[in-house]
């Protein structure tokens, strides 16, 4: 029975650590998307009103106004920040679960040691 409990604790810890790494990767992707949107916003803002701006939609490009493009870029940056915040909260939750799994495994090992010592 203790063997099964240890296996479950180890598996839970490994799964949680893997999920934490996945969340870290997602955070990096969101940061990159947000940075890209902010940099593009700054460049588009510097263009004159007479410059034609196109937005890619699938395999075609649609002529858009500067204001529309800037608004979309602001929205993308804001959505990236929100996603990052949600992912950071998820990472905190997963880290707590990982710590609990480690503590449970440590307790099982200690109880096994005391059983063997007797």
PDB file of N, CA and C in Angstrom:
ATOM      1  N   UNK A   1       0.825  -1.184   0.000  1.00  0.00           N
ATOM      2  CA  UNK A   1       0.000   0.000   0.000  1.00  0.00           C
ATOM      3  C   UNK A   1       0.876   1.258   0.000  1.00  0.00           C
ATOM      4  N   UNK A   2       1.934   1.254   0.803  1.00  0.00           N
ATOM      5  CA  UNK A   2       2.814   2.428   0.836  1.00  0.00           C
ATOM      6  C   UNK A   2       3.520   2.625  -0.495  1.00  0.00           C
ATOM      7  N   UNK A   3       3.839   1.511  -1.156  1.00  0.00           N
ATOM      8  CA  UNK A   3       4.476   1.602  -2.468  1.00  0.00           C
ATOM      9  C   UNK A   3       3.571   2.350  -3.436  1.00  0.00           C
ATOM     10  N   UNK A   4       2.282   2.020  -3.404  1.00  0.00           N
ATOM     11  CA  UNK A   4       1.313   2.675  -4.284  1.00  0.00           C
ATOM     12  C   UNK A   4       1.198   4.157  -3.948  1.00  0.00           C
ATOM     13  N   UNK A   5       1.188   4.485  -2.658  1.00  0.00           N
ATOM     14  CA  UNK A   5       1.099   5.882  -2.241  1.00  0.00           C
ATOM     15  C   UNK A   5       2.314   6.669  -2.701  1.00  0.00           C
ATOM     16  N   UNK A   6       3.498   6.060  -2.595  1.00  0.00           N
ATOM     17  CA  UNK A   6       4.713   6.737  -3.062  1.00  0.00           C
ATOM     18  C   UNK A   6       4.665   6.963  -4.563  1.00  0.00           C
ATOM     19  N   UNK A   7       4.203   5.950  -5.286  1.00  0.00           N
ATOM     20  CA  UNK A   7       4.120   6.060  -6.745  1.00  0.00           C
ATOM     21  C   UNK A   7       3.161   7.179  -7.148  1.00  0.00           C
ATOM     22  N   UNK A   8       2.017   7.255  -6.475  1.00  0.00           N
ATOM     23  CA  UNK A   8       1.039   8.314  -6.758  1.00  0.00           C
ATOM     24  C   UNK A   8       1.629   9.678  -6.443  1.00  0.00           C
ATOM     25  N   UNK A   9       2.322   9.800  -5.323  1.00  0.00           N
ATOM     26  CA  UNK A   9       2.924  11.079  -4.930  1.00  0.00           C
ATOM     27  C   UNK A   9       4.001  11.498  -5.926  1.00  0.00           C
ATOM     28  N   UNK A  10       4.824  10.554  -6.355  1.00  0.00           N
ATOM     29  CA  UNK A  10       5.886  10.867  -7.321  1.00  0.00           C
ATOM     30  C   UNK A  10       5.277  11.283  -8.657  1.00  0.00           C
ATOM     31  N   UNK A  11       4.279  10.525  -9.120  1.00  0.00           N
ATOM     32  CA  UNK A  11       3.618  10.826 -10.385  1.00  0.00           C
ATOM     33  C   UNK A  11       2.962  12.203 -10.342  1.00  0.00           C
ATOM     34  N   UNK A  12       2.294  12.520  -9.236  1.00  0.00           N
ATOM     35  CA  UNK A  12       1.648  13.823  -9.104  1.00  0.00           C
ATOM     36  C   UNK A  12       2.684  14.944  -9.140  1.00  0.00           C
ATOM     37  N   UNK A  13       3.806  14.722  -8.489  1.00  0.00           N
ATOM     38  CA  UNK A  13       4.870  15.726  -8.486  1.00  0.00           C
ATOM     39  C   UNK A  13       5.446  15.953  -9.865  1.00  0.00           C
ATOM     40  N   UNK A  14       5.672  14.873 -10.596  1.00  0.00           N
ATOM     41  CA  UNK A  14       6.232  14.979 -11.942  1.00  0.00           C
ATOM     42  C   UNK A  14       5.246  15.682 -12.878  1.00  0.00           C
ATOM     43  N   UNK A  15       3.971  15.301 -12.794  1.00  0.00           N
ATOM     44  CA  UNK A  15       2.951  15.928 -13.635  1.00  0.00           C
ATOM     45  C   UNK A  15       2.836  17.420 -13.338  1.00  0.00           C
ATOM     46  N   UNK A  16       2.874  17.770 -12.068  1.00  0.00           N
ATOM     47  CA  UNK A  16       2.767  19.174 -11.683  1.00  0.00           C
ATOM     48  C   UNK A  16       3.980  19.958 -12.175  1.00  0.00           C
ATOM     49  N   UNK A  17       5.157  19.382 -12.050  1.00  0.00           N
ATOM     50  CA  UNK A  17       6.374  20.060 -12.529  1.00  0.00           C
ATOM     51  C   UNK A  17       6.314  20.260 -14.035  1.00  0.00           C
ATOM     52  N   UNK A  18       5.793  19.283 -14.757  1.00  0.00           N
ATOM     53  CA  UNK A  18       5.644  19.407 -16.209  1.00  0.00           C
ATOM     54  C   UNK A  18       4.656  20.505 -16.561  1.00  0.00           C
ATOM     55  N   UNK A  19       3.559  20.573 -15.818  1.00  0.00           N
ATOM     56  CA  UNK A  19       2.565  21.624 -16.069  1.00  0.00           C
ATOM     57  C   UNK A  19       3.131  23.004 -15.758  1.00  0.00           C
ATOM     58  N   UNK A  20       3.980  23.104 -14.740  1.00  0.00           N
ATOM     59  CA  UNK A  20       4.610  24.393 -14.413  1.00  0.00           C
ATOM     60  C   UNK A  20       5.505  24.836 -15.567  1.00  0.00           C
ATOM     61  N   UNK A  21       6.264  23.892 -16.139  1.00  0.00           N
ATOM     62  CA  UNK A  21       7.114  24.233 -17.286  1.00  0.00           C
ATOM     63  C   UNK A  21       6.271  24.682 -18.473  1.00  0.00           C
ATOM     64  N   UNK A  22       5.135  24.028 -18.696  1.00  0.00           N
ATOM     65  CA  UNK A  22       4.246  24.409 -19.796  1.00  0.00           C
ATOM     66  C   UNK A  22       3.695  25.812 -19.574  1.00  0.00           C
ATOM     67  N   UNK A  23       3.348  26.130 -18.331  1.00  0.00           N
ATOM     68  CA  UNK A  23       2.845  27.467 -18.013  1.00  0.00           C
ATOM     69  C   UNK A  23       3.947  28.505 -18.238  1.00  0.00           C
ATOM     70  N   UNK A  24       5.179  28.169 -17.861  1.00  0.00           N
ATOM     71  CA  UNK A  24       6.301  29.087 -18.100  1.00  0.00           C
ATOM     72  C   UNK A  24       6.459  29.370 -19.594  1.00  0.00           C
ATOM     73  N   UNK A  25       6.337  28.334 -20.418  1.00  0.00           N
ATOM     74  CA  UNK A  25       6.438  28.517 -21.870  1.00  0.00           C
ATOM     75  C   UNK A  25       5.309  29.397 -22.398  1.00  0.00           C
ATOM     76  N   UNK A  26       4.099  29.191 -21.878  1.00  0.00           N
ATOM     77  CA  UNK A  26       2.968  30.007 -22.300  1.00  0.00           C
ATOM     78  C   UNK A  26       3.158  31.467 -21.895  1.00  0.00           C
ATOM     79  N   UNK A  27       3.717  31.690 -20.710  1.00  0.00           N
ATOM     80  CA  UNK A  27       3.986  33.057 -20.257  1.00  0.00           C
ATOM     81  C   UNK A  27       4.975  33.738 -21.205  1.00  0.00           C
ATOM     82  N   UNK A  28       6.018  33.016 -21.584  1.00  0.00           N
ATOM     83  CA  UNK A  28       7.006  33.574 -22.514  1.00  0.00           C
ATOM     84  C   UNK A  28       6.364  33.915 -23.855  1.00  0.00           C
ATOM     85  N   UNK A  29       5.495  33.046 -24.346  1.00  0.00           N
ATOM     86  CA  UNK A  29       4.807  33.312 -25.608  1.00  0.00           C
ATOM     87  C   UNK A  29       3.934  34.555 -25.502  1.00  0.00           C
ATOM     88  N   UNK A  30       3.228  34.690 -24.398  1.00  0.00           N
ATOM     89  CA  UNK A  30       2.370  35.869 -24.203  1.00  0.00           C
ATOM     90  C   UNK A  30       3.208  37.140 -24.095  1.00  0.00           C
ATOM     91  N   UNK A  31       4.337  37.047 -23.407  1.00  0.00           N
ATOM     92  CA  UNK A  31       5.222  38.217 -23.304  1.00  0.00           C
ATOM     93  C   UNK A  31       5.719  38.629 -24.682  1.00  0.00           C
ATOM     94  N   UNK A  32       6.098  37.639 -25.497  1.00  0.00           N
ATOM     95  CA  UNK A  32       6.570  37.944 -26.844  1.00  0.00           C
ATOM     96  C   UNK A  32       5.472  38.575 -27.698  1.00  0.00           C
ATOM     97  N   UNK A  33       4.248  38.027 -27.612  1.00  0.00           N
ATOM     98  CA  UNK A  33       3.134  38.600 -28.369  1.00  0.00           C
ATOM     99  C   UNK A  33       2.843  40.028 -27.924  1.00  0.00           C
ATOM    100  N   UNK A  34       2.870  40.256 -26.615  1.00  0.00           N
ATOM    101  CA  UNK A  34       2.619  41.594 -26.094  1.00  0.00           C
ATOM    102  C   UNK A  34       3.698  42.577 -26.513  1.00  0.00           C
ATOM    103  N   UNK A  35       4.938  42.156 -26.436  1.00  0.00           N
ATOM    104  CA  UNK A  35       6.064  43.010 -26.849  1.00  0.00           C
ATOM    105  C   UNK A  35       5.962  43.333 -28.338  1.00  0.00           C
ATOM    106  N   UNK A  36       5.609  42.335 -29.137  1.00  0.00           N
ATOM    107  CA  UNK A  36       5.456  42.542 -30.579  1.00  0.00           C
ATOM    108  C   UNK A  36       4.349  43.565 -30.854  1.00  0.00           C
ATOM    109  N   UNK A  37       3.236  43.427 -30.149  1.00  0.00           N
ATOM    110  CA  UNK A  37       2.121  44.371 -30.333  1.00  0.00           C
ATOM    111  C   UNK A  37       2.532  45.788 -29.920  1.00  0.00           C
ATOM    112  N   UNK A  38       3.265  45.914 -28.822  1.00  0.00           N
ATOM    113  CA  UNK A  38       3.697  47.242 -28.360  1.00  0.00           C
ATOM    114  C   UNK A  38       4.682  47.879 -29.333  1.00  0.00           C
ATOM    115  N   UNK A  39       5.626  47.084 -29.823  1.00  0.00           N
ATOM    116  CA  UNK A  39       6.597  47.629 -30.779  1.00  0.00           C
ATOM    117  C   UNK A  39       5.916  48.035 -32.087  1.00  0.00           C
ATOM    118  N   UNK A  40       4.997  47.204 -32.542  1.00  0.00           N
ATOM    119  CA  UNK A  40       4.263  47.527 -33.764  1.00  0.00           C
ATOM    120  C   UNK A  40       3.418  48.780 -33.557  1.00  0.00           C
ATOM    121  N   UNK A  41       2.824  48.908 -32.382  1.00  0.00           N
ATOM    122  CA  UNK A  41       2.026  50.095 -32.055  1.00  0.00           C
ATOM    123  C   UNK A  41       2.882  51.356 -32.177  1.00  0.00           C
ATOM    124  N   UNK A  42       4.077  51.317 -31.602  1.00  0.00           N
ATOM    125  CA  UNK A  42       4.953  52.491 -31.653  1.00  0.00           C
ATOM    126  C   UNK A  42       5.328  52.841 -33.091  1.00  0.00           C
ATOM    127  N   UNK A  43       5.585  51.827 -33.912  1.00  0.00           N
ATOM    128  CA  UNK A  43       5.956  52.080 -35.301  1.00  0.00           C
ATOM    129  C   UNK A  43       4.776  52.630 -36.103  1.00  0.00           C
ATOM    130  N   UNK A  44       3.605  52.055 -35.900  1.00  0.00           N
ATOM    131  CA  UNK A  44       2.420  52.520 -36.632  1.00  0.00           C
ATOM    132  C   UNK A  44       2.055  53.931 -36.200  1.00  0.00           C
ATOM    133  N   UNK A  45       2.234  54.227 -34.937  1.00  0.00           N
ATOM    134  CA  UNK A  45       1.912  55.563 -34.413  1.00  0.00           C
ATOM    135  C   UNK A  45       2.783  56.629 -35.090  1.00  0.00           C
ATOM    136  N   UNK A  46       4.002  56.273 -35.466  1.00  0.00           N
ATOM    137  CA  UNK A  46       4.919  57.232 -36.087  1.00  0.00           C
ATOM    138  C   UNK A  46       4.591  57.504 -37.555  1.00  0.00           C
ATOM    139  N   UNK A  47       3.760  56.661 -38.172  1.00  0.00           N
ATOM    140  CA  UNK A  47       3.449  56.860 -39.586  1.00  0.00           C
ATOM    141  C   UNK A  47       2.499  58.040 -39.751  1.00  0.00           C
ATOM    142  N   UNK A  48       2.519  58.627 -40.932  1.00  0.00           N
ATOM    143  CA  UNK A  48       1.612  59.748 -41.199  1.00  0.00           C
ATOM    144  C   UNK A  48       0.226  59.200 -41.522  1.00  0.00           C
ATOM    145  N   UNK A  49      -0.762  60.046 -41.472  1.00  0.00           N
ATOM    146  CA  UNK A  49      -2.136  59.638 -41.746  1.00  0.00           C
ATOM    147  C   UNK A  49      -2.336  59.225 -43.193  1.00  0.00           C
ATOM    148  N   UNK A  50      -1.461  59.642 -44.087  1.00  0.00           N
ATOM    149  CA  UNK A  50      -1.599  59.319 -45.507  1.00  0.00           C
ATOM    150  C   UNK A  50      -1.060  57.934 -45.845  1.00  0.00           C
ATOM    151  N   UNK A  51      -0.329  57.318 -44.925  1.00  0.00           N
ATOM    152  CA  UNK A  51       0.251  56.000 -45.181  1.00  0.00           C
ATOM    153  C   UNK A  51      -0.853  54.951 -45.185  1.00  0.00           C
ATOM    154  N   UNK A  52      -0.846  54.107 -46.211  1.00  0.00           N
ATOM    155  CA  UNK A  52      -1.827  53.027 -46.278  1.00  0.00           C
ATOM    156  C   UNK A  52      -1.366  51.885 -45.379  1.00  0.00           C
ATOM    157  N   UNK A  53      -2.263  51.431 -44.541  1.00  0.00           N
ATOM    158  CA  UNK A  53      -1.963  50.343 -43.611  1.00  0.00           C
ATOM    159  C   UNK A  53      -2.885  49.171 -43.904  1.00  0.00           C
ATOM    160  N   UNK A  54      -2.297  47.991 -43.966  1.00  0.00           N
ATOM    161  CA  UNK A  54      -3.061  46.784 -44.277  1.00  0.00           C
ATOM    162  C   UNK A  54      -2.967  45.809 -43.119  1.00  0.00           C
ATOM    163  N   UNK A  55      -4.077  45.108 -42.903  1.00  0.00           N
ATOM    164  CA  UNK A  55      -4.112  44.071 -41.877  1.00  0.00           C
ATOM    165  C   UNK A  55      -4.267  42.731 -42.587  1.00  0.00           C
ATOM    166  N   UNK A  56      -3.503  41.734 -42.142  1.00  0.00           N
ATOM    167  CA  UNK A  56      -3.637  40.421 -42.777  1.00  0.00           C
ATOM    168  C   UNK A  56      -4.832  39.692 -42.175  1.00  0.00           C
ATOM    169  N   UNK A  57      -5.651  39.165 -43.064  1.00  0.00           N
ATOM    170  CA  UNK A  57      -6.818  38.384 -42.671  1.00  0.00           C
ATOM    171  C   UNK A  57      -6.746  37.085 -43.468  1.00  0.00           C
ATOM    172  N   UNK A  58      -6.282  36.046 -42.818  1.00  0.00           N
ATOM    173  CA  UNK A  58      -6.094  34.788 -43.539  1.00  0.00           C
ATOM    174  C   UNK A  58      -5.007  34.938 -44.580  1.00  0.00           C
ATOM    175  N   UNK A  59      -5.399  34.745 -45.844  1.00  0.00           N
ATOM    176  CA  UNK A  59      -4.431  34.834 -46.930  1.00  0.00           C
ATOM    177  C   UNK A  59      -4.559  36.133 -47.714  1.00  0.00           C
ATOM    178  N   UNK A  60      -5.308  37.083 -47.170  1.00  0.00           N
ATOM    179  CA  UNK A  60      -5.460  38.357 -47.878  1.00  0.00           C
ATOM    180  C   UNK A  60      -5.140  39.515 -46.939  1.00  0.00           C
ATOM    181  N   UNK A  61      -5.043  40.695 -47.518  1.00  0.00           N
ATOM    182  CA  UNK A  61      -4.764  41.898 -46.745  1.00  0.00           C
ATOM    183  C   UNK A  61      -5.906  42.881 -46.950  1.00  0.00           C
ATOM    184  N   UNK A  62      -6.329  43.505 -45.846  1.00  0.00           N
ATOM    185  CA  UNK A  62      -7.445  44.434 -45.875  1.00  0.00           C
ATOM    186  C   UNK A  62      -6.926  45.816 -45.487  1.00  0.00           C
ATOM    187  N   UNK A  63      -7.311  46.824 -46.271  1.00  0.00           N
ATOM    188  CA  UNK A  63      -6.922  48.198 -45.978  1.00  0.00           C
ATOM    189  C   UNK A  63      -7.671  48.662 -44.736  1.00  0.00           C
ATOM    190  N   UNK A  64      -6.932  49.182 -43.761  1.00  0.00           N
ATOM    191  CA  UNK A  64      -7.521  49.657 -42.506  1.00  0.00           C
ATOM    192  C   UNK A  64      -7.016  51.062 -42.212  1.00  0.00           C
ATOM    193  N   UNK A  65      -7.768  51.782 -41.371  1.00  0.00           N
ATOM    194  CA  UNK A  65      -7.323  53.116 -40.954  1.00  0.00           C
ATOM    195  C   UNK A  65      -6.285  52.958 -39.853  1.00  0.00           C
ATOM    196  N   UNK A  66      -5.509  54.004 -39.656  1.00  0.00           N
ATOM    197  CA  UNK A  66      -4.481  53.973 -38.621  1.00  0.00           C
ATOM    198  C   UNK A  66      -5.108  53.790 -37.244  1.00  0.00           C
ATOM    199  N   UNK A  67      -6.223  54.472 -36.995  1.00  0.00           N
ATOM    200  CA  UNK A  67      -6.887  54.367 -35.691  1.00  0.00           C
ATOM    201  C   UNK A  67      -7.345  52.937 -35.399  1.00  0.00           C
ATOM    202  N   UNK A  68      -7.864  52.263 -36.413  1.00  0.00           N
ATOM    203  CA  UNK A  68      -8.327  50.888 -36.238  1.00  0.00           C
ATOM    204  C   UNK A  68      -7.154  49.964 -35.903  1.00  0.00           C
ATOM    205  N   UNK A  69      -6.076  50.136 -36.633  1.00  0.00           N
ATOM    206  CA  UNK A  69      -4.888  49.308 -36.388  1.00  0.00           C
ATOM    207  C   UNK A  69      -4.346  49.556 -34.982  1.00  0.00           C
ATOM    208  N   UNK A  70      -4.261  50.827 -34.584  1.00  0.00           N
ATOM    209  CA  UNK A  70      -3.737  51.157 -33.256  1.00  0.00           C
ATOM    210  C   UNK A  70      -4.622  50.579 -32.159  1.00  0.00           C
ATOM    211  N   UNK A  71      -5.931  50.642 -32.351  1.00  0.00           N
ATOM    212  CA  UNK A  71      -6.852  50.102 -31.355  1.00  0.00           C
ATOM    213  C   UNK A  71      -6.679  48.582 -31.233  1.00  0.00           C
ATOM    214  N   UNK A  72      -6.535  47.912 -32.356  1.00  0.00           N
ATOM    215  CA  UNK A  72      -6.335  46.461 -32.329  1.00  0.00           C
ATOM    216  C   UNK A  72      -5.024  46.100 -31.636  1.00  0.00           C
ATOM    217  N   UNK A  73      -3.995  46.873 -31.881  1.00  0.00           N
ATOM    218  CA  UNK A  73      -2.708  46.602 -31.237  1.00  0.00           C
ATOM    219  C   UNK A  73      -2.786  46.826 -29.733  1.00  0.00           C
ATOM    220  N   UNK A  74      -3.505  47.859 -29.311  1.00  0.00           N
ATOM    221  CA  UNK A  74      -3.702  48.097 -27.876  1.00  0.00           C
ATOM    222  C   UNK A  74      -4.426  46.916 -27.246  1.00  0.00           C
ATOM    223  N   UNK A  75      -5.460  46.433 -27.944  1.00  0.00           N
ATOM    224  CA  UNK A  75      -6.228  45.295 -27.428  1.00  0.00           C
ATOM    225  C   UNK A  75      -5.360  44.045 -27.309  1.00  0.00           C
ATOM    226  N   UNK A  76      -4.528  43.796 -28.305  1.00  0.00           N
ATOM    227  CA  UNK A  76      -3.636  42.624 -28.253  1.00  0.00           C
ATOM    228  C   UNK A  76      -2.680  42.710 -27.074  1.00  0.00           C
ATOM    229  N   UNK A  77      -2.116  43.896 -26.856  1.00  0.00           N
ATOM    230  CA  UNK A  77      -1.181  44.072 -25.737  1.00  0.00           C
ATOM    231  C   UNK A  77      -1.910  43.876 -24.406  1.00  0.00           C
ATOM    232  N   UNK A  78      -3.128  44.410 -24.296  1.00  0.00           N
ATOM    233  CA  UNK A  78      -3.904  44.265 -23.066  1.00  0.00           C
ATOM    234  C   UNK A  78      -4.273  42.800 -22.824  1.00  0.00           C
ATOM    235  N   UNK A  79      -4.670  42.095 -23.880  1.00  0.00           N
ATOM    236  CA  UNK A  79      -5.017  40.676 -23.734  1.00  0.00           C
ATOM    237  C   UNK A  79      -3.801  39.863 -23.325  1.00  0.00           C
ATOM    238  N   UNK A  80      -2.635  40.222 -23.832  1.00  0.00           N
ATOM    239  CA  UNK A  80      -1.408  39.518 -23.446  1.00  0.00           C
ATOM    240  C   UNK A  80      -1.119  39.726 -21.966  1.00  0.00           C
ATOM    241  N   UNK A  81      -1.277  40.957 -21.492  1.00  0.00           N
ATOM    242  CA  UNK A  81      -1.047  41.226 -20.070  1.00  0.00           C
ATOM    243  C   UNK A  81      -2.027  40.448 -19.196  1.00  0.00           C
ATOM    244  N   UNK A  82      -3.301  40.389 -19.609  1.00  0.00           N
ATOM    245  CA  UNK A  82      -4.290  39.631 -18.843  1.00  0.00           C
ATOM    246  C   UNK A  82      -3.950  38.146 -18.831  1.00  0.00           C
ATOM    247  N   UNK A  83      -3.553  37.626 -19.978  1.00  0.00           N
ATOM    248  CA  UNK A  83      -3.190  36.207 -20.061  1.00  0.00           C
ATOM    249  C   UNK A  83      -1.996  35.902 -19.170  1.00  0.00           C
ATOM    250  N   UNK A  84      -1.024  36.790 -19.165  1.00  0.00           N
ATOM    251  CA  UNK A  84       0.157  36.597 -18.321  1.00  0.00           C
ATOM    252  C   UNK A  84      -0.243  36.547 -16.858  1.00  0.00           C
ATOM    253  N   UNK A  85      -1.140  37.443 -16.451  1.00  0.00           N
ATOM    254  CA  UNK A  85      -1.581  37.473 -15.057  1.00  0.00           C
ATOM    255  C   UNK A  85      -2.294  36.166 -14.686  1.00  0.00           C
ATOM    256  N   UNK A  86      -3.176  35.683 -15.572  1.00  0.00           N
ATOM    257  CA  UNK A  86      -3.887  34.432 -15.306  1.00  0.00           C
ATOM    258  C   UNK A  86      -2.906  33.262 -15.218  1.00  0.00           C
ATOM    259  N   UNK A  87      -1.944  33.242 -16.121  1.00  0.00           N
ATOM    260  CA  UNK A  87      -0.965  32.159 -16.112  1.00  0.00           C
ATOM    261  C   UNK A  87      -0.083  32.202 -14.872  1.00  0.00           C
ATOM    262  N   UNK A  88       0.273  33.400 -14.425  1.00  0.00           N
ATOM    263  CA  UNK A  88       1.074  33.530 -13.201  1.00  0.00           C
ATOM    264  C   UNK A  88       0.290  33.010 -11.995  1.00  0.00           C
ATOM    265  N   UNK A  89      -1.014  33.315 -11.948  1.00  0.00           N
ATOM    266  CA  UNK A  89      -1.849  32.795 -10.856  1.00  0.00           C
ATOM    267  C   UNK A  89      -1.917  31.277 -10.908  1.00  0.00           C
ATOM    268  N   UNK A  90      -2.033  30.727 -12.111  1.00  0.00           N
ATOM    269  CA  UNK A  90      -2.056  29.281 -12.281  1.00  0.00           C
ATOM    270  C   UNK A  90      -0.729  28.667 -11.836  1.00  0.00           C
ATOM    271  N   UNK A  91       0.366  29.348 -12.132  1.00  0.00           N
ATOM    272  CA  UNK A  91       1.683  28.848 -11.740  1.00  0.00           C
ATOM    273  C   UNK A  91       1.826  28.818 -10.212  1.00  0.00           C
ATOM    274  N   UNK A  92       1.314  29.841  -9.542  1.00  0.00           N
ATOM    275  CA  UNK A  92       1.358  29.864  -8.074  1.00  0.00           C
ATOM    276  C   UNK A  92       0.584  28.677  -7.513  1.00  0.00           C
ATOM    277  N   UNK A  93      -0.593  28.439  -8.074  1.00  0.00           N
ATOM    278  CA  UNK A  93      -1.415  27.312  -7.631  1.00  0.00           C
ATOM    279  C   UNK A  93      -0.686  25.982  -7.844  1.00  0.00           C
ATOM    280  N   UNK A  94      -0.089  25.815  -9.019  1.00  0.00           N
ATOM    281  CA  UNK A  94       0.634  24.577  -9.313  1.00  0.00           C
ATOM    282  C   UNK A  94       1.859  24.415  -8.415  1.00  0.00           C
ATOM    283  N   UNK A  95       2.530  25.512  -8.119  1.00  0.00           N
ATOM    284  CA  UNK A  95       3.697  25.451  -7.229  1.00  0.00           C
ATOM    285  C   UNK A  95       3.291  24.987  -5.830  1.00  0.00           C
ATOM    286  N   UNK A  96       2.145  25.461  -5.356  1.00  0.00           N
ATOM    287  CA  UNK A  96       1.654  25.012  -4.054  1.00  0.00           C
ATOM    288  C   UNK A  96       1.351  23.520  -4.088  1.00  0.00           C
ATOM    289  N   UNK A  97       0.731  23.069  -5.185  1.00  0.00           N
ATOM    290  CA  UNK A  97       0.444  21.639  -5.311  1.00  0.00           C
ATOM    291  C   UNK A  97       1.721  20.817  -5.341  1.00  0.00           C
ATOM    292  N   UNK A  98       2.733  21.304  -6.025  1.00  0.00           N
ATOM    293  CA  UNK A  98       4.003  20.602  -6.095  1.00  0.00           C
ATOM    294  C   UNK A  98       4.629  20.497  -4.708  1.00  0.00           C
ATOM    295  N   UNK A  99       4.594  21.582  -3.971  1.00  0.00           N
ATOM    296  CA  UNK A  99       5.166  21.572  -2.628  1.00  0.00           C
ATOM    297  C   UNK A  99       4.409  20.589  -1.732  1.00  0.00           C
ATOM    298  N   UNK A 100       3.082  20.541  -1.864  1.00  0.00           N
ATOM    299  CA  UNK A 100       2.288  19.599  -1.083  1.00  0.00           C
ATOM    300  C   UNK A 100       2.637  18.156  -1.452  1.00  0.00           C
ATOM    301  N   UNK A 101       2.820  17.901  -2.745  1.00  0.00           N
ATOM    302  CA  UNK A 101       3.189  16.558  -3.189  1.00  0.00           C
ATOM    303  C   UNK A 101       4.551  16.159  -2.638  1.00  0.00           C
ATOM    304  N   UNK A 102       5.478  17.090  -2.664  1.00  0.00           N
ATOM    305  CA  UNK A 102       6.810  16.808  -2.131  1.00  0.00           C
ATOM    306  C   UNK A 102       6.739  16.512  -0.641  1.00  0.00           C
ATOM    307  N   UNK A 103       5.948  17.286   0.089  1.00  0.00           N
ATOM    308  CA  UNK A 103       5.804  17.057   1.530  1.00  0.00           C
ATOM    309  C   UNK A 103       5.157  15.707   1.814  1.00  0.00           C
ATOM    310  N   UNK A 104       4.143  15.347   1.013  1.00  0.00           N
ATOM    311  CA  UNK A 104       3.480  14.054   1.205  1.00  0.00           C
ATOM    312  C   UNK A 104       4.458  12.913   0.954  1.00  0.00           C
ATOM    313  N   UNK A 105       5.268  13.038  -0.082  1.00  0.00           N
ATOM    314  CA  UNK A 105       6.256  12.011  -0.387  1.00  0.00           C
ATOM    315  C   UNK A 105       7.302  11.923   0.720  1.00  0.00           C
ATOM    316  N   UNK A 106       7.730  13.075   1.207  1.00  0.00           N
ATOM    317  CA  UNK A 106       8.718  13.106   2.291  1.00  0.00           C
ATOM    318  C   UNK A 106       8.160  12.409   3.538  1.00  0.00           C
ATOM    319  N   UNK A 107       6.890  12.659   3.845  1.00  0.00           N
ATOM    320  CA  UNK A 107       6.274  12.011   5.006  1.00  0.00           C
ATOM    321  C   UNK A 107       6.191  10.497   4.818  1.00  0.00           C
ATOM    322  N   UNK A 108       5.864  10.061   3.608  1.00  0.00           N
ATOM    323  CA  UNK A 108       5.812   8.623   3.346  1.00  0.00           C
ATOM    324  C   UNK A 108       7.178   7.973   3.528  1.00  0.00           C
ATOM    325  N   UNK A 109       8.210   8.626   3.027  1.00  0.00           N
ATOM    326  CA  UNK A 109       9.564   8.092   3.160  1.00  0.00           C
ATOM    327  C   UNK A 109       9.967   8.042   4.630  1.00  0.00           C
ATOM    328  N   UNK A 110       9.657   9.081   5.373  1.00  0.00           N
ATOM    329  CA  UNK A 110       9.992   9.102   6.803  1.00  0.00           C
ATOM    330  C   UNK A 110       9.246   8.006   7.557  1.00  0.00           C
ATOM    331  N   UNK A 111       7.970   7.810   7.212  1.00  0.00           N
ATOM    332  CA  UNK A 111       7.211   6.765   7.905  1.00  0.00           C
ATOM    333  C   UNK A 111       7.770   5.387   7.565  1.00  0.00           C
ATOM    334  N   UNK A 112       8.221   5.209   6.342  1.00  0.00           N
ATOM    335  CA  UNK A 112       8.837   3.932   5.944  1.00  0.00           C
ATOM    336  C   UNK A 112      10.144   3.711   6.694  1.00  0.00           C
ATOM    337  N   UNK A 113      10.940   4.793   6.841  1.00  0.00           N
ATOM    338  CA  UNK A 113      12.206   4.681   7.577  1.00  0.00           C
ATOM    339  C   UNK A 113      11.955   4.306   9.024  1.00  0.00           C
ATOM    340  N   UNK A 114      10.964   4.913   9.649  1.00  0.00           N
ATOM    341  CA  UNK A 114      10.693   4.591  11.047  1.00  0.00           C
ATOM    342  C   UNK A 114      10.153   3.175  11.192  1.00  0.00           C
ATOM    343  N   UNK A 115       9.391   2.701  10.196  1.00  0.00           N
ATOM    344  CA  UNK A 115       8.878   1.334  10.214  1.00  0.00           C
ATOM    345  C   UNK A 115      10.022   0.333  10.086  1.00  0.00           C
ATOM    346  N   UNK A 116      10.969   0.625   9.216  1.00  0.00           N
ATOM    347  CA  UNK A 116      12.127  -0.261   9.010  1.00  0.00           C
ATOM    348  C   UNK A 116      13.032  -0.256  10.250  1.00  0.00           C
ATOM    349  N   UNK A 117      13.183   0.900  10.875  1.00  0.00           N
ATOM    350  CA  UNK A 117      14.058   1.033  12.042  1.00  0.00           C
ATOM    351  C   UNK A 117      13.534   0.239  13.226  1.00  0.00           C
ATOM    352  N   UNK A 118      12.229   0.053  13.309  1.00  0.00           N
ATOM    353  CA  UNK A 118      11.638  -0.681  14.430  1.00  0.00           C
ATOM    354  C   UNK A 118      11.909  -2.128  14.251  1.00  0.00           C
TER     355      UNK A 118
END
